[in-house]
Protein backbone atom coordinates (compact mmCIF):
# COMPACT_ATOMS: atom_id res chain seq x y z
CA MET A 1 0.92 -19.78 -10.75
CA GLY A 2 1.02 -18.91 -14.70
CA LYS A 3 4.02 -18.93 -16.87
CA VAL A 4 7.01 -17.90 -15.63
CA GLY A 5 7.94 -14.29 -13.78
CA ALA A 6 7.25 -13.06 -10.50
CA HIS A 7 3.65 -13.19 -9.08
CA ILE A 8 3.36 -9.42 -8.24
CA VAL A 9 1.61 -8.48 -5.00
CA TRP A 10 0.44 -4.95 -5.38
CA ASP A 11 -0.49 -2.84 -2.53
CA TRP A 12 -3.05 0.02 -3.38
CA ASN A 13 -3.34 3.32 -1.33
CA GLY A 14 -0.06 5.63 -2.51
CA THR A 15 1.46 2.47 -4.96
CA LEU A 16 -1.57 1.76 -7.72
CA LEU A 17 -3.49 4.78 -6.57
CA HIS A 18 -2.07 7.86 -6.70
CA ASP A 19 -3.98 9.05 -3.53
CA ILE A 20 -0.78 10.95 -1.65
CA HIS A 21 -2.36 15.08 -1.93
CA ALA A 22 -6.29 13.13 -0.63
CA VAL A 23 -3.92 11.98 2.25
CA ILE A 24 -2.18 15.10 2.68
CA GLU A 25 -5.54 17.41 2.66
CA ALA A 26 -7.83 14.53 4.65
CA THR A 27 -4.70 14.45 7.64
CA ASN A 28 -5.14 18.01 7.41
CA ALA A 29 -8.60 18.49 8.00
CA SER A 30 -8.48 15.89 10.70
CA PHE A 31 -5.56 17.53 12.44
CA ALA A 32 -7.83 20.92 12.19
CA GLU A 33 -11.06 19.45 14.17
CA LEU A 34 -8.37 17.90 16.47
CA GLY A 35 -6.79 21.29 17.29
CA LEU A 36 -3.42 19.59 15.73
CA GLN A 37 -1.15 22.05 13.43
CA PRO A 38 -1.39 21.30 9.73
CA ILE A 39 1.73 19.21 8.00
CA THR A 40 3.22 19.52 4.66
CA LEU A 41 3.61 16.07 1.81
CA GLU A 42 7.82 16.26 2.93
CA ARG A 43 7.27 16.16 6.47
CA TYR A 44 4.44 13.49 6.34
CA ARG A 45 6.62 11.37 4.26
CA GLU A 46 9.49 11.77 7.29
CA LEU A 47 7.54 10.76 9.76
CA TYR A 48 4.86 8.28 8.36
CA CYS A 49 4.93 4.77 9.58
CA VAL A 50 2.46 1.40 10.11
CA PRO A 51 1.33 1.31 13.00
CA VAL A 52 -0.46 4.38 12.06
CA PRO A 53 -0.61 5.31 15.94
CA ARG A 54 2.91 4.96 15.41
CA PHE A 55 2.97 8.11 13.20
CA TYR A 56 0.48 9.91 15.38
CA GLU A 57 2.79 9.73 18.76
CA ARG A 58 5.51 10.82 16.25
CA LEU A 59 3.95 14.05 15.82
CA MET A 60 2.44 14.64 18.93
CA GLY A 61 5.30 13.49 21.11
CA ARG A 62 3.00 10.71 22.78
CA LEU A 63 1.03 8.01 22.03
CA PRO A 64 -2.87 9.15 21.40
CA SER A 65 -4.94 7.17 24.15
CA ASP A 66 -7.23 4.52 22.93
CA SER A 67 -10.18 7.18 22.46
CA GLU A 68 -8.27 9.73 20.78
CA TRP A 69 -6.95 7.44 18.55
CA GLN A 70 -10.23 6.30 17.61
CA LEU A 71 -11.72 9.82 17.04
CA MET A 72 -8.99 10.12 15.08
CA ASP A 73 -9.31 7.27 12.60
CA ALA A 74 -12.61 8.35 12.03
CA VAL A 75 -12.28 12.05 11.37
CA PHE A 76 -9.12 10.94 9.22
CA HIS A 77 -11.49 8.60 6.53
CA ARG A 78 -14.83 10.86 6.51
CA HIS A 79 -12.15 12.94 5.33
CA TYR A 80 -10.28 10.28 2.79
CA TRP A 81 -13.04 8.37 1.23
CA ALA A 82 -14.99 12.09 0.62
CA ARG A 83 -11.47 12.93 -1.48
CA ALA A 84 -10.70 9.22 -2.93
CA GLU A 85 -13.35 9.33 -6.01
CA THR A 86 -11.28 12.42 -7.23
CA CYS A 87 -8.27 9.98 -7.23
CA GLY A 88 -6.26 8.40 -10.31
CA LEU A 89 -4.26 5.51 -10.97
CA ALA A 90 -0.64 6.02 -10.53
CA GLU A 91 0.87 6.95 -14.49
CA GLY A 92 1.12 3.57 -16.71
CA ALA A 93 -0.51 1.48 -13.48
CA ALA A 94 -3.49 0.46 -15.89
CA GLN A 95 -0.89 -0.43 -19.20
CA LEU A 96 1.33 -2.49 -16.57
CA LEU A 97 -1.72 -4.24 -14.78
CA ALA A 98 -2.63 -5.61 -18.08
CA GLU A 99 0.17 -6.04 -20.06
CA ARG A 100 0.88 -8.37 -16.97
CA ARG A 101 -2.24 -9.96 -16.94
CA ALA A 102 -1.84 -10.62 -20.57
CA GLY A 103 1.78 -11.72 -21.05
CA GLY A 104 0.40 -14.45 -18.47
CA ARG A 105 1.79 -12.98 -15.38
CA THR A 106 -0.34 -13.13 -11.91
CA GLN A 107 -0.75 -10.43 -9.45
CA SER A 108 -2.37 -10.18 -6.37
CA LEU A 109 -3.59 -7.03 -4.47
CA LEU A 110 -3.38 -6.67 -0.79
CA SER A 111 -4.06 -3.50 1.38
CA LEU A 112 -4.43 -1.74 4.53
CA ALA A 113 -7.63 0.13 3.28
CA PRO A 114 -10.76 -1.68 4.16
CA HIS A 115 -12.52 -4.23 2.39
CA GLU A 116 -16.38 -2.85 1.66
CA HIS A 117 -14.10 0.41 0.36
CA LEU A 118 -10.90 -0.92 -1.27
CA VAL A 119 -13.37 -3.59 -3.79
CA PRO A 120 -15.49 -0.53 -5.28
CA ILE A 121 -12.79 1.54 -5.86
CA VAL A 122 -10.80 -0.91 -7.65
CA ARG A 123 -13.69 -1.78 -9.96
CA ARG A 124 -14.53 1.57 -10.77
CA HIS A 125 -11.14 1.70 -11.96
CA GLY A 126 -11.96 -1.01 -14.15
CA ILE A 127 -8.99 -2.57 -13.01
CA GLN A 128 -10.20 -5.54 -11.15
CA GLU A 129 -9.85 -8.97 -13.65
CA HIS A 130 -6.33 -8.28 -13.97
CA PHE A 131 -5.86 -9.71 -9.57
CA VAL A 132 -6.51 -13.37 -9.24
CA ARG A 133 -7.04 -11.92 -5.91
CA ILE A 134 -8.10 -8.37 -3.90
CA ASP A 135 -7.85 -8.05 -0.29
CA GLY A 136 -8.53 -5.28 1.75
CA ARG A 137 -8.92 -5.15 5.83
CA THR A 138 -11.47 -6.87 7.27
CA ASP A 139 -11.29 -5.85 10.82
CA SER A 140 -10.65 -3.36 13.22
CA SER A 141 -6.72 -3.49 13.94
CA HIS A 142 -4.38 -0.95 12.39
CA ALA A 143 -1.16 -3.32 12.67
CA GLY A 144 0.85 -3.29 9.70
CA LYS A 145 0.92 -5.85 6.56
CA ALA A 146 2.83 -8.99 8.29
CA GLU A 147 0.23 -11.83 9.08
CA ARG A 148 -2.27 -10.33 6.16
CA MET A 149 0.20 -10.85 3.77
CA ALA A 150 0.69 -14.47 5.46
CA ARG A 151 -3.19 -15.28 4.40
CA HIS A 152 -3.27 -13.69 0.98
CA LEU A 153 -0.49 -16.33 0.30
CA ALA A 154 -1.84 -19.14 1.59
CA ALA A 155 -5.09 -18.21 -0.16
CA LEU A 156 -3.24 -18.37 -3.45
CA GLU A 157 -2.83 -21.81 -2.91
CA GLY A 158 -2.86 -22.95 -6.76
CA VAL A 159 -1.12 -19.99 -7.76
CA VAL A 160 1.50 -19.05 -6.22
CA ALA A 161 4.07 -21.77 -5.79
CA ALA A 162 7.31 -20.74 -4.31
CA ALA A 163 7.08 -17.51 -1.95
CA GLU A 164 11.04 -17.02 -4.02
CA ARG A 165 8.69 -15.68 -6.68
CA VAL A 166 6.74 -13.38 -4.97
CA VAL A 167 7.58 -10.08 -4.96
CA VAL A 168 5.63 -6.99 -3.19
CA ILE A 169 5.51 -3.76 -4.70
CA GLY A 170 4.59 -0.81 -2.43
CA ASP A 171 5.21 2.32 -1.02
CA ALA A 172 5.85 1.47 2.60
CA VAL A 173 8.89 0.13 4.31
CA ASP A 174 5.59 -1.87 6.31
CA ASP A 175 5.14 -3.26 2.87
CA ALA A 176 9.12 -4.61 2.92
CA VAL A 177 8.67 -5.89 6.04
CA ALA A 178 5.72 -8.09 5.59
CA ALA A 179 7.48 -9.34 2.61
CA ALA A 180 10.20 -10.70 4.65
CA HIS A 181 7.55 -12.28 6.64
CA VAL A 182 6.99 -14.68 4.04
CA GLY A 183 10.00 -15.24 2.43
CA ALA A 184 9.31 -12.54 -0.45
CA ARG A 185 11.27 -9.69 -2.28
CA ALA A 186 9.93 -5.87 -2.22
CA VAL A 187 10.23 -3.21 -4.26
CA LEU A 188 9.78 0.24 -2.76
CA TYR A 189 7.97 3.18 -4.78
CA THR A 190 8.50 6.39 -4.01
CA GLY A 191 5.46 8.15 -5.17
CA GLY A 192 3.04 7.11 -1.64
CA SER A 193 3.64 7.91 1.78
CA HIS A 194 7.48 7.32 2.62
CA SER A 195 10.25 9.92 1.31
CA ARG A 196 13.18 8.12 -0.32
CA GLY A 197 15.34 8.13 2.40
CA SER A 198 12.90 6.43 4.42
CA LEU A 199 12.50 3.86 2.13
CA GLU A 200 16.15 2.73 1.74
CA THR A 201 16.00 1.85 5.44
CA ALA A 202 14.69 -1.15 4.54
CA GLY A 203 17.67 -2.67 2.28
CA VAL A 204 15.30 -3.02 -0.65
CA PRO A 205 15.01 -1.46 -4.18
CA VAL A 206 13.86 1.63 -4.05
CA VAL A 207 12.02 2.96 -7.15
CA ASP A 208 10.37 6.01 -8.96
CA SER A 209 7.90 4.66 -11.52
CA LEU A 210 5.80 1.81 -11.04
CA ALA A 211 7.21 0.68 -14.45
CA GLU A 212 10.54 0.44 -12.70
CA ALA A 213 9.02 -1.25 -9.69
CA VAL A 214 7.87 -4.27 -12.25
CA ALA A 215 11.35 -4.45 -13.94
CA GLU A 216 12.87 -4.75 -10.80
CA ALA A 217 10.44 -7.61 -9.74
CA GLU A 218 11.15 -9.43 -12.42
CA ARG A 219 14.76 -8.91 -11.81
CA LEU A 220 14.76 -10.28 -8.48
CA ALA A 221 12.31 -13.61 -8.83
CA ALA A 222 14.19 -14.49 -12.59
């Protein structure tokens, strides 16, 4: 798996990509089309969860029907991808990725963003060479990352020697769930979709910067 240290599996949206305000704007634009009241950033972070239909259940008081969900999902993504191009990387992200790669550390990217959108936007930010593998969502399922994480690590055979040295860095409780599913560790970052209080329910380290996240990841894998 390269030199000593953690193999980090990075999340994209809300972690490496600082897109939370685009998410809120797209959410509220889609809500307006659907006749729902707008939501604040604070309330979004309190209620957000995976799978995403459960998030809508918390807002609506019921699960959306299949047809409602398909409409909501399509409308949200139309608004989100119109805004995503203006989003920058999280503070220090590019430098952290470059430094880890230069130091012989390995890292990969696993996201629930559609693969066909994920790869081009990572390339546009000029950071694709820092990852040994990039995986986005390739199906219509909005289930969490657990099974995807298992497939992601299996595809890294020859890079990752042991799950105990893998640390997932993300902004959602689901990232910690996915890490536990494969026997890996997790560090959660407060710059994205969840409040600190929500993240702390996962029982893993919670940090306020990606630099702290990397330092904690190396500590966990030592």
